[in-house]
C-alpha atoms as a PDB file:
ATOM      1  CA  MET A   1      -0.009   0.014   0.004  1.00  0.00           C
ATOM      2  CA  PRO A   2       1.531   3.370  -1.011  1.00  0.00           C
ATOM      3  CA  PHE A   3       2.175   6.099   1.542  1.00  0.00           C
ATOM      4  CA  GLN A   4      -0.848   8.364   1.883  1.00  0.00           C
ATOM      5  CA  PRO A   5       0.257  11.611   3.567  1.00  0.00           C
ATOM      6  CA  VAL A   6      -3.244  12.970   4.172  1.00  0.00           C
ATOM      7  CA  ALA A   7      -4.333   9.815   6.008  1.00  0.00           C
ATOM      8  CA  PHE A   8      -0.999   9.533   7.872  1.00  0.00           C
ATOM      9  CA  PHE A   9      -1.079  13.119   9.148  1.00  0.00           C
ATOM     10  CA  ALA A  10      -4.783  12.900   9.952  1.00  0.00           C
ATOM     11  CA  ASP A  11      -4.164   9.735  12.021  1.00  0.00           C
ATOM     12  CA  HIS A  12      -1.239  11.349  13.853  1.00  0.00           C
ATOM     13  CA  TYR A  13      -2.712  14.874  14.026  1.00  0.00           C
ATOM     14  CA  ASN A  14      -2.323  15.365  17.775  1.00  0.00           C
ATOM     15  CA  TRP A  15       1.339  14.281  17.737  1.00  0.00           C
ATOM     16  CA  VAL A  16       2.050  16.624  14.827  1.00  0.00           C
ATOM     17  CA  LYS A  17       0.221  19.426  16.615  1.00  0.00           C
ATOM     18  CA  ALA A  18       2.249  18.831  19.786  1.00  0.00           C
ATOM     19  CA  LEU A  19       5.509  18.972  17.804  1.00  0.00           C
ATOM     20  CA  HIS A  20       4.298  22.124  16.018  1.00  0.00           C
ATOM     21  CA  ILE A  21       3.545  23.854  19.331  1.00  0.00           C
ATOM     22  CA  ILE A  22       6.958  22.874  20.761  1.00  0.00           C
ATOM     23  CA  ALA A  23       8.648  24.297  17.653  1.00  0.00           C
ATOM     24  CA  VAL A  24       6.599  27.489  17.860  1.00  0.00           C
ATOM     25  CA  ILE A  25       7.513  28.027  21.503  1.00  0.00           C
ATOM     26  CA  SER A  26      11.209  27.546  20.700  1.00  0.00           C
ATOM     27  CA  TRP A  27      11.001  29.892  17.712  1.00  0.00           C
ATOM     28  CA  MET A  28       9.228  32.581  19.725  1.00  0.00           C
ATOM     29  CA  ALA A  29      11.697  32.316  22.599  1.00  0.00           C
ATOM     30  CA  GLY A  30      14.490  33.104  20.214  1.00  0.00           C
ATOM     31  CA  MET A  31      12.552  35.780  18.329  1.00  0.00           C
ATOM     32  CA  LEU A  32      11.860  37.574  21.604  1.00  0.00           C
ATOM     33  CA  TYR A  33      15.449  37.300  22.852  1.00  0.00           C
ATOM     34  CA  LEU A  34      17.505  38.182  19.767  1.00  0.00           C
ATOM     35  CA  PRO A  35      16.238  41.789  19.412  1.00  0.00           C
ATOM     36  CA  ARG A  36      16.930  42.222  23.142  1.00  0.00           C
ATOM     37  CA  LEU A  37      20.567  41.208  22.478  1.00  0.00           C
ATOM     38  CA  PHE A  38      20.633  43.791  19.657  1.00  0.00           C
ATOM     39  CA  VAL A  39      19.519  46.449  22.166  1.00  0.00           C
ATOM     40  CA  TYR A  40      22.602  45.712  24.272  1.00  0.00           C
ATOM     41  CA  HIS A  41      24.795  45.354  21.215  1.00  0.00           C
ATOM     42  CA  ALA A  42      23.744  48.738  19.819  1.00  0.00           C
ATOM     43  CA  ASP A  43      24.984  50.393  23.038  1.00  0.00           C
ATOM     44  CA  ALA A  44      28.213  48.366  23.226  1.00  0.00           C
ATOM     45  CA  ASP A  45      31.477  49.872  21.983  1.00  0.00           C
ATOM     46  CA  LYS A  46      32.621  48.333  18.705  1.00  0.00           C
ATOM     47  CA  GLY A  47      35.392  45.822  19.262  1.00  0.00           C
ATOM     48  CA  SER A  48      34.748  45.679  23.005  1.00  0.00           C
ATOM     49  CA  GLU A  49      34.644  42.437  24.928  1.00  0.00           C
ATOM     50  CA  LEU A  50      30.889  42.881  25.323  1.00  0.00           C
ATOM     51  CA  SER A  51      30.394  43.415  21.606  1.00  0.00           C
ATOM     52  CA  GLU A  52      32.423  40.306  20.735  1.00  0.00           C
ATOM     53  CA  THR A  53      30.515  38.240  23.314  1.00  0.00           C
ATOM     54  CA  LEU A  54      27.179  39.424  21.934  1.00  0.00           C
ATOM     55  CA  LYS A  55      28.271  38.441  18.404  1.00  0.00           C
ATOM     56  CA  ILE A  56      28.845  34.863  19.607  1.00  0.00           C
ATOM     57  CA  MET A  57      25.546  34.786  21.530  1.00  0.00           C
ATOM     58  CA  GLU A  58      23.570  36.162  18.544  1.00  0.00           C
ATOM     59  CA  ARG A  59      25.138  33.652  16.140  1.00  0.00           C
ATOM     60  CA  LYS A  60      24.481  30.665  18.377  1.00  0.00           C
ATOM     61  CA  LEU A  61      20.927  31.790  19.174  1.00  0.00           C
ATOM     62  CA  LEU A  62      20.085  32.226  15.511  1.00  0.00           C
ATOM     63  CA  ARG A  63      21.791  29.092  14.182  1.00  0.00           C
ATOM     64  CA  VAL A  64      21.147  26.659  17.040  1.00  0.00           C
ATOM     65  CA  ILE A  65      17.655  27.686  18.172  1.00  0.00           C
ATOM     66  CA  ILE A  66      15.817  30.178  15.975  1.00  0.00           C
ATOM     67  CA  ASN A  67      16.572  28.813  12.491  1.00  0.00           C
ATOM     68  CA  PRO A  68      15.882  25.128  13.284  1.00  0.00           C
ATOM     69  CA  ALA A  69      12.748  26.067  15.281  1.00  0.00           C
ATOM     70  CA  MET A  70      11.362  28.102  12.418  1.00  0.00           C
ATOM     71  CA  GLY A  71      12.022  25.242  10.016  1.00  0.00           C
ATOM     72  CA  ALA A  72      10.311  22.779  12.326  1.00  0.00           C
ATOM     73  CA  THR A  73       7.389  25.175  12.829  1.00  0.00           C
ATOM     74  CA  TRP A  74       6.825  25.426   9.081  1.00  0.00           C
ATOM     75  CA  LEU A  75       7.318  21.688   8.500  1.00  0.00           C
ATOM     76  CA  PHE A  76       4.893  20.599  11.207  1.00  0.00           C
ATOM     77  CA  GLY A  77       2.467  23.361  10.162  1.00  0.00           C
ATOM     78  CA  ILE A  78       2.440  21.995   6.616  1.00  0.00           C
ATOM     79  CA  PHE A  79       1.871  18.521   8.036  1.00  0.00           C
ATOM     80  CA  LEU A  80      -1.070  19.863  10.042  1.00  0.00           C
ATOM     81  CA  VAL A  81      -2.602  21.271   6.860  1.00  0.00           C
ATOM     82  CA  LEU A  82      -2.085  17.949   5.116  1.00  0.00           C
ATOM     83  CA  GLY A  83      -3.873  16.255   7.992  1.00  0.00           C
ATOM     84  CA  ASN A  84      -6.771  18.746   7.877  1.00  0.00           C
ATOM     85  CA  PRO A  85      -6.877  20.450   4.448  1.00  0.00           C
ATOM     86  CA  ALA A  86     -10.301  22.005   5.249  1.00  0.00           C
ATOM     87  CA  VAL A  87      -8.476  24.794   7.108  1.00  0.00           C
ATOM     88  CA  LEU A  88      -7.409  26.179   3.750  1.00  0.00           C
ATOM     89  CA  THR A  89     -10.953  27.407   3.202  1.00  0.00           C
ATOM     90  CA  GLN A  90     -11.283  29.194   6.538  1.00  0.00           C
ATOM     91  CA  GLY A  91     -10.727  32.926   6.920  1.00  0.00           C
ATOM     92  CA  TRP A  92      -8.961  32.694  10.311  1.00  0.00           C
ATOM     93  CA  PHE A  93      -6.344  30.436   8.725  1.00  0.00           C
ATOM     94  CA  HIS A  94      -5.587  33.011   6.036  1.00  0.00           C
ATOM     95  CA  VAL A  95      -5.039  35.673   8.681  1.00  0.00           C
ATOM     96  CA  LYS A  96      -2.851  33.268  10.687  1.00  0.00           C
ATOM     97  CA  LEU A  97      -0.805  32.323   7.636  1.00  0.00           C
ATOM     98  CA  THR A  98      -0.279  35.991   6.757  1.00  0.00           C
ATOM     99  CA  ALA A  99       0.919  36.681  10.304  1.00  0.00           C
ATOM    100  CA  VAL A 100       3.281  33.686  10.141  1.00  0.00           C
ATOM    101  CA  LEU A 101       4.671  34.984   6.834  1.00  0.00           C
ATOM    102  CA  LEU A 102       5.223  38.386   8.456  1.00  0.00           C
ATOM    103  CA  LEU A 103       6.925  36.710  11.424  1.00  0.00           C
ATOM    104  CA  SER A 104       9.153  34.857   8.983  1.00  0.00           C
ATOM    105  CA  GLY A 105      10.003  38.205   7.392  1.00  0.00           C
ATOM    106  CA  VAL A 106      10.947  39.618  10.816  1.00  0.00           C
ATOM    107  CA  HIS A 107      13.099  36.505  11.282  1.00  0.00           C
ATOM    108  CA  GLY A 108      14.884  37.267   7.987  1.00  0.00           C
ATOM    109  CA  PHE A 109      15.415  40.875   9.035  1.00  0.00           C
ATOM    110  CA  LEU A 110      16.904  39.752  12.370  1.00  0.00           C
ATOM    111  CA  ALA A 111      19.224  37.324  10.575  1.00  0.00           C
ATOM    112  CA  LYS A 112      20.381  40.111   8.259  1.00  0.00           C
ATOM    113  CA  THR A 113      20.811  42.468  11.198  1.00  0.00           C
ATOM    114  CA  ARG A 114      23.047  39.909  12.955  1.00  0.00           C
ATOM    115  CA  LYS A 115      25.407  40.118   9.986  1.00  0.00           C
ATOM    116  CA  VAL A 116      25.416  43.927  10.239  1.00  0.00           C
ATOM    117  CA  PHE A 117      26.472  43.688  13.911  1.00  0.00           C
ATOM    118  CA  LEU A 118      29.027  41.006  13.001  1.00  0.00           C
ATOM    119  CA  LYS A 119      30.790  43.532  10.698  1.00  0.00           C
ATOM    120  CA  ASP A 120      30.447  46.343  13.281  1.00  0.00           C
ATOM    121  CA  GLU A 121      28.322  48.291  10.786  1.00  0.00           C
ATOM    122  CA  ASN A 122      25.181  48.918  12.881  1.00  0.00           C
ATOM    123  CA  LYS A 123      23.870  52.473  12.527  1.00  0.00           C
ATOM    124  CA  ARG A 124      20.567  52.034  14.355  1.00  0.00           C
ATOM    125  CA  PRO A 125      20.049  53.078  17.975  1.00  0.00           C
ATOM    126  CA  ALA A 126      19.071  50.721  20.781  1.00  0.00           C
ATOM    127  CA  LYS A 127      15.590  52.270  20.771  1.00  0.00           C
ATOM    128  CA  PHE A 128      14.973  50.887  17.270  1.00  0.00           C
ATOM    129  CA  TYR A 129      15.632  47.357  18.542  1.00  0.00           C
ATOM    130  CA  ARG A 130      13.434  47.924  21.613  1.00  0.00           C
ATOM    131  CA  ILE A 131      10.577  48.775  19.287  1.00  0.00           C
ATOM    132  CA  LEU A 132      11.452  45.904  16.899  1.00  0.00           C
ATOM    133  CA  ASN A 133      11.304  43.584  19.888  1.00  0.00           C
ATOM    134  CA  GLU A 134       7.536  44.142  20.011  1.00  0.00           C
ATOM    135  CA  ALA A 135       6.847  42.918  16.451  1.00  0.00           C
ATOM    136  CA  PRO A 136       7.119  39.159  17.245  1.00  0.00           C
ATOM    137  CA  THR A 137       4.908  39.661  20.310  1.00  0.00           C
ATOM    138  CA  VAL A 138       2.153  41.408  18.332  1.00  0.00           C
ATOM    139  CA  LEU A 139       2.274  38.794  15.597  1.00  0.00           C
ATOM    140  CA  MET A 140       2.244  35.971  18.164  1.00  0.00           C
ATOM    141  CA  ILE A 141      -0.851  37.454  19.839  1.00  0.00           C
ATOM    142  CA  LEU A 142      -2.622  37.657  16.454  1.00  0.00           C
ATOM    143  CA  ILE A 143      -1.674  34.101  15.584  1.00  0.00           C
ATOM    144  CA  VAL A 144      -2.827  32.657  18.940  1.00  0.00           C
ATOM    145  CA  ILE A 145      -6.157  34.522  18.703  1.00  0.00           C
ATOM    146  CA  MET A 146      -6.724  33.179  15.184  1.00  0.00           C
ATOM    147  CA  VAL A 147      -5.955  29.619  16.163  1.00  0.00           C
ATOM    148  CA  VAL A 148      -7.921  29.573  19.435  1.00  0.00           C
ATOM    149  CA  VAL A 149     -10.911  31.839  18.689  1.00  0.00           C
ATOM    150  CA  LYS A 150     -11.135  30.991  14.953  1.00  0.00           C
ATOM    151  CA  PRO A 151     -13.147  33.994  13.823  1.00  0.00           C
ATOM    152  CA  TRP A 152     -14.359  33.851  10.223  1.00  0.00           C
ATOM    153  CA  GLN A 153     -14.692  30.094  10.354  1.00  0.00           C
END
């Protein structure tokens, strides 16, 4: 019997959902912490011990936690849709998906910003990163409301 992904993911839906939630929590933890590191980095003197330490912390956070967690979030999210394709017709899911795409864009911006700090070329003040730190929170709130309340079902 050939592999049937829709049936497989439907049969294992709760396991996939649990793994998706774990990945989301890990992704959000990193997305909330990395801009905070940038706040400290923006105020650190270039070439200082603090600046060099922050470069290491930022790289490890992005490569070891945030990037893999985002990949797992997307992978398990796709598996959830395969297990329940009816969500594709629901308005709340479209809003959620848009917010996840925006969060992925913020992720990309943070990854690019890490490279700017790595080269000691940051021109933005710490206040910019304090404000940026709120973007993942706002998107997370929107996503959770869409998934739990499911308006426009």
